[in-house]
């Protein structure tokens, strides 16, 4: 009996030693290269800003070929209802239309007018830009799907960005340039899409908002 107890005790100590020596396994994923096909349809902007929060653009390849408008719209709706994707019902319709025309069997001529051609913010009139505040810009460009004022979501909080650039005389220009160009690496591996459609005035409005947080 003592021999059995000694053997069991030895195995326990050996197992404990192995656990102590074990080091965490680090996995480094390759950089994301898949991108949605460029399109003037409004759903393209929504897809590049929100769909990639949860999955790669490669997800499209795994869907059945030849899906129609109703099927792609249903697929986009599933992302909201089953997985909690930050999509509104209107955005689901836009994404469904974009995917159906770009990757499926739908024709743009079949779409209702509001789903056919996007109107970039940069083409708004001078009067509209003058009255457009930061909150409107944030909502119009789905910024709040990835950022919050005081907590990290996908990207850093606006407060974190403001703290990082505090005291930098070039802060306004740097943040505006980062918004326009997008990219990854400054705050982690998550990629931020470019917002090249924004005017200089709109970029300045957003950069000033960030620095105030």
Protein backbone atom coordinates (compact mmCIF):
# COMPACT_ATOMS: atom_id res chain seq x y z
CA UNK A 1 0.00 0.00 0.00
CA UNK A 2 2.84 2.41 0.86
CA UNK A 3 4.43 1.73 -2.52
CA UNK A 4 1.17 2.59 -4.28
CA UNK A 5 0.78 5.78 -2.26
CA UNK A 6 4.37 6.79 -2.99
CA UNK A 7 3.83 6.12 -6.70
CA UNK A 8 0.63 8.23 -6.78
CA UNK A 9 2.35 11.03 -4.87
CA UNK A 10 5.24 10.96 -7.31
CA UNK A 11 2.89 11.21 -10.28
CA UNK A 12 1.08 14.17 -8.72
CA UNK A 13 4.35 16.03 -8.13
CA UNK A 14 5.56 15.20 -11.64
CA UNK A 15 2.33 16.48 -13.15
CA UNK A 16 2.53 19.64 -11.06
CA UNK A 17 6.10 20.22 -12.19
CA UNK A 18 5.07 19.87 -15.82
CA UNK A 19 2.25 22.39 -15.32
CA UNK A 20 4.64 24.85 -13.67
CA UNK A 21 7.11 24.56 -16.55
CA UNK A 22 4.44 24.95 -19.22
CA UNK A 23 4.55 28.27 -21.04
CA UNK A 24 1.62 29.93 -22.82
CA UNK A 25 1.38 29.10 -26.51
CA UNK A 26 1.47 32.22 -28.63
CA UNK A 27 -0.22 32.17 -32.00
CA UNK A 28 0.50 34.86 -34.56
CA UNK A 29 -2.10 35.13 -37.27
CA UNK A 30 -1.11 36.39 -40.73
CA UNK A 31 -2.19 39.94 -41.59
CA UNK A 32 -5.67 40.35 -43.05
CA UNK A 33 -5.56 40.81 -46.82
CA UNK A 34 -9.09 39.94 -47.95
CA UNK A 35 -11.17 42.95 -48.94
CA UNK A 36 -14.71 43.52 -50.12
CA UNK A 37 -15.05 44.37 -53.80
CA UNK A 38 -15.32 48.12 -54.28
CA UNK A 39 -18.78 49.35 -55.24
CA UNK A 40 -20.68 52.66 -55.36
CA UNK A 41 -23.59 50.96 -53.59
CA UNK A 42 -24.21 52.25 -50.03
CA UNK A 43 -23.95 48.73 -48.62
CA UNK A 44 -20.26 48.63 -49.51
CA UNK A 45 -19.44 51.32 -46.94
CA UNK A 46 -21.47 49.53 -44.27
CA UNK A 47 -19.80 46.19 -45.06
CA UNK A 48 -16.26 47.58 -44.88
CA UNK A 49 -16.98 49.34 -41.59
CA UNK A 50 -19.17 46.85 -39.73
CA UNK A 51 -19.03 43.35 -41.21
CA UNK A 52 -15.27 43.09 -40.69
CA UNK A 53 -15.77 43.69 -36.95
CA UNK A 54 -16.75 40.02 -36.64
CA UNK A 55 -15.29 38.22 -39.65
CA UNK A 56 -13.03 38.51 -42.67
CA UNK A 57 -14.27 39.43 -46.12
CA UNK A 58 -13.30 35.84 -46.97
CA UNK A 59 -16.56 34.79 -45.32
CA UNK A 60 -18.24 35.58 -48.64
CA UNK A 61 -16.41 32.68 -50.31
CA UNK A 62 -18.10 30.17 -48.04
CA UNK A 63 -21.64 31.12 -49.06
CA UNK A 64 -23.52 29.23 -51.79
CA UNK A 65 -22.91 30.72 -55.25
CA UNK A 66 -25.74 32.45 -57.05
CA UNK A 67 -27.57 33.78 -54.00
CA UNK A 68 -30.28 36.33 -54.83
CA UNK A 69 -31.30 39.58 -53.14
CA UNK A 70 -33.66 37.96 -50.63
CA UNK A 71 -31.08 35.32 -49.66
CA UNK A 72 -28.22 37.76 -49.15
CA UNK A 73 -30.47 40.11 -47.18
CA UNK A 74 -31.54 37.19 -45.01
CA UNK A 75 -27.88 36.27 -44.46
CA UNK A 76 -27.07 39.84 -43.36
CA UNK A 77 -30.10 39.80 -41.06
CA UNK A 78 -28.88 36.59 -39.46
CA UNK A 79 -25.69 38.38 -38.44
CA UNK A 80 -27.78 40.89 -36.51
CA UNK A 81 -30.39 38.58 -34.98
CA UNK A 82 -28.23 35.55 -34.13
CA UNK A 83 -24.79 37.03 -33.56
CA UNK A 84 -25.56 40.57 -32.37
CA UNK A 85 -23.83 42.39 -35.23
CA UNK A 86 -24.18 46.20 -34.81
CA UNK A 87 -26.42 46.59 -37.85
CA UNK A 88 -29.68 48.50 -38.14
CA UNK A 89 -32.55 47.15 -40.26
CA UNK A 90 -31.76 49.78 -42.91
CA UNK A 91 -28.09 48.75 -42.97
CA UNK A 92 -29.10 45.10 -43.37
CA UNK A 93 -31.03 46.01 -46.51
CA UNK A 94 -28.05 47.98 -47.84
CA UNK A 95 -25.55 45.21 -47.13
CA UNK A 96 -27.88 42.59 -48.61
CA UNK A 97 -28.27 44.61 -51.79
CA UNK A 98 -24.52 45.21 -52.11
CA UNK A 99 -23.69 41.54 -51.61
CA UNK A 100 -26.45 40.33 -53.94
CA UNK A 101 -25.31 42.57 -56.79
CA UNK A 102 -21.56 42.19 -56.22
CA UNK A 103 -21.39 38.49 -55.36
CA UNK A 104 -24.81 37.11 -56.26
CA UNK A 105 -27.35 37.13 -59.08
CA UNK A 106 -29.13 40.44 -58.47
CA UNK A 107 -28.93 43.35 -60.91
CA UNK A 108 -28.57 46.93 -59.72
CA UNK A 109 -31.56 47.87 -61.88
CA UNK A 110 -33.73 45.66 -59.65
CA UNK A 111 -32.91 47.63 -56.51
CA UNK A 112 -35.10 50.41 -55.07
CA UNK A 113 -33.60 53.91 -55.52
CA UNK A 114 -32.34 54.25 -51.93
CA UNK A 115 -30.17 51.15 -52.32
CA UNK A 116 -28.60 51.99 -55.67
CA UNK A 117 -26.22 54.93 -55.33
CA UNK A 118 -24.57 56.20 -52.21
CA UNK A 119 -24.23 59.94 -51.63
CA UNK A 120 -20.83 60.50 -49.99
CA UNK A 121 -20.70 63.05 -47.22
CA UNK A 122 -18.04 64.91 -49.17
CA UNK A 123 -20.68 65.86 -51.76
CA UNK A 124 -22.99 67.61 -49.34
CA UNK A 125 -23.51 71.32 -49.86
CA UNK A 126 -21.54 73.97 -47.98
CA UNK A 127 -24.64 74.83 -45.96
CA UNK A 128 -25.11 71.20 -44.92
CA UNK A 129 -21.49 70.82 -43.88
CA UNK A 130 -21.71 73.98 -41.82
CA UNK A 131 -24.58 72.54 -39.79
CA UNK A 132 -23.22 68.99 -39.59
CA UNK A 133 -21.89 68.30 -36.11
CA UNK A 134 -19.51 65.60 -34.91
CA UNK A 135 -22.29 63.34 -33.65
CA UNK A 136 -23.93 63.34 -37.08
CA UNK A 137 -20.62 62.48 -38.72
CA UNK A 138 -19.97 59.66 -36.23
CA UNK A 139 -23.37 58.15 -36.88
CA UNK A 140 -23.26 58.62 -40.65
CA UNK A 141 -19.93 56.80 -40.90
CA UNK A 142 -20.65 54.04 -38.34
CA UNK A 143 -17.72 55.18 -36.19
CA UNK A 144 -19.46 54.18 -32.97
CA UNK A 145 -19.60 50.54 -34.06
CA UNK A 146 -15.85 50.32 -33.38
CA UNK A 147 -15.16 53.17 -30.94
CA UNK A 148 -16.70 54.54 -27.75
CA UNK A 149 -15.93 57.64 -25.72
CA UNK A 150 -14.42 55.95 -22.66
CA UNK A 151 -13.97 52.22 -23.41
CA UNK A 152 -12.33 50.03 -26.01
CA UNK A 153 -14.63 48.19 -28.43
CA UNK A 154 -12.74 47.14 -31.57
CA UNK A 155 -10.54 50.20 -31.69
CA UNK A 156 -9.35 52.45 -28.84
CA UNK A 157 -11.68 54.76 -26.96
CA UNK A 158 -11.65 58.39 -28.02
CA UNK A 159 -10.39 59.28 -24.56
CA UNK A 160 -7.34 57.02 -25.06
CA UNK A 161 -6.56 58.73 -28.36
CA UNK A 162 -6.92 62.18 -26.78
CA UNK A 163 -4.54 61.22 -23.96
CA UNK A 164 -1.96 59.85 -26.40
CA UNK A 165 -1.88 63.07 -28.43
CA UNK A 166 -2.18 65.49 -25.51
CA UNK A 167 0.42 68.23 -25.85
CA UNK A 168 1.29 67.31 -29.44
CA UNK A 169 1.09 70.48 -31.56
CA UNK A 170 0.43 68.32 -34.63
CA UNK A 171 -2.31 66.28 -32.95
CA UNK A 172 -5.17 67.67 -35.02
CA UNK A 173 -3.44 67.02 -38.34
CA UNK A 174 -2.24 63.55 -37.30
CA UNK A 175 -5.66 62.35 -36.15
CA UNK A 176 -7.36 63.75 -39.26
CA UNK A 177 -4.79 61.99 -41.44
CA UNK A 178 -5.29 58.71 -39.56
CA UNK A 179 -9.06 58.90 -40.05
CA UNK A 180 -8.67 59.58 -43.76
CA UNK A 181 -6.09 56.84 -44.38
CA UNK A 182 -7.31 54.12 -41.99
CA UNK A 183 -4.90 51.24 -41.36
CA UNK A 184 -3.75 49.07 -38.47
CA UNK A 185 -0.81 48.67 -36.10
CA UNK A 186 -1.11 51.86 -34.05
CA UNK A 187 -3.60 50.38 -31.58
CA UNK A 188 -3.37 46.66 -32.29
CA UNK A 189 -3.97 44.39 -35.24
CA UNK A 190 -7.60 45.38 -35.94
CA UNK A 191 -7.83 47.25 -39.22
CA UNK A 192 -9.68 50.55 -39.59
CA UNK A 193 -11.07 51.24 -43.07
CA UNK A 194 -10.11 54.48 -44.81
CA UNK A 195 -12.55 57.39 -44.83
CA UNK A 196 -11.17 59.13 -47.91
CA UNK A 197 -14.66 60.35 -48.87
CA UNK A 198 -14.65 62.87 -46.03
CA UNK A 199 -13.78 66.48 -46.72
CA UNK A 200 -11.03 68.33 -44.87
CA UNK A 201 -13.67 70.22 -42.86
CA UNK A 202 -15.36 66.97 -41.81
CA UNK A 203 -12.06 65.36 -40.85
CA UNK A 204 -11.18 68.41 -38.77
CA UNK A 205 -14.57 68.27 -37.04
CA UNK A 206 -14.02 64.63 -36.09
CA UNK A 207 -10.42 65.18 -35.00
CA UNK A 208 -11.43 68.12 -32.80
CA UNK A 209 -14.17 65.98 -31.24
CA UNK A 210 -11.67 63.20 -30.42
CA UNK A 211 -9.21 65.64 -28.83
CA UNK A 212 -11.94 67.02 -26.55
CA UNK A 213 -12.58 63.64 -24.93
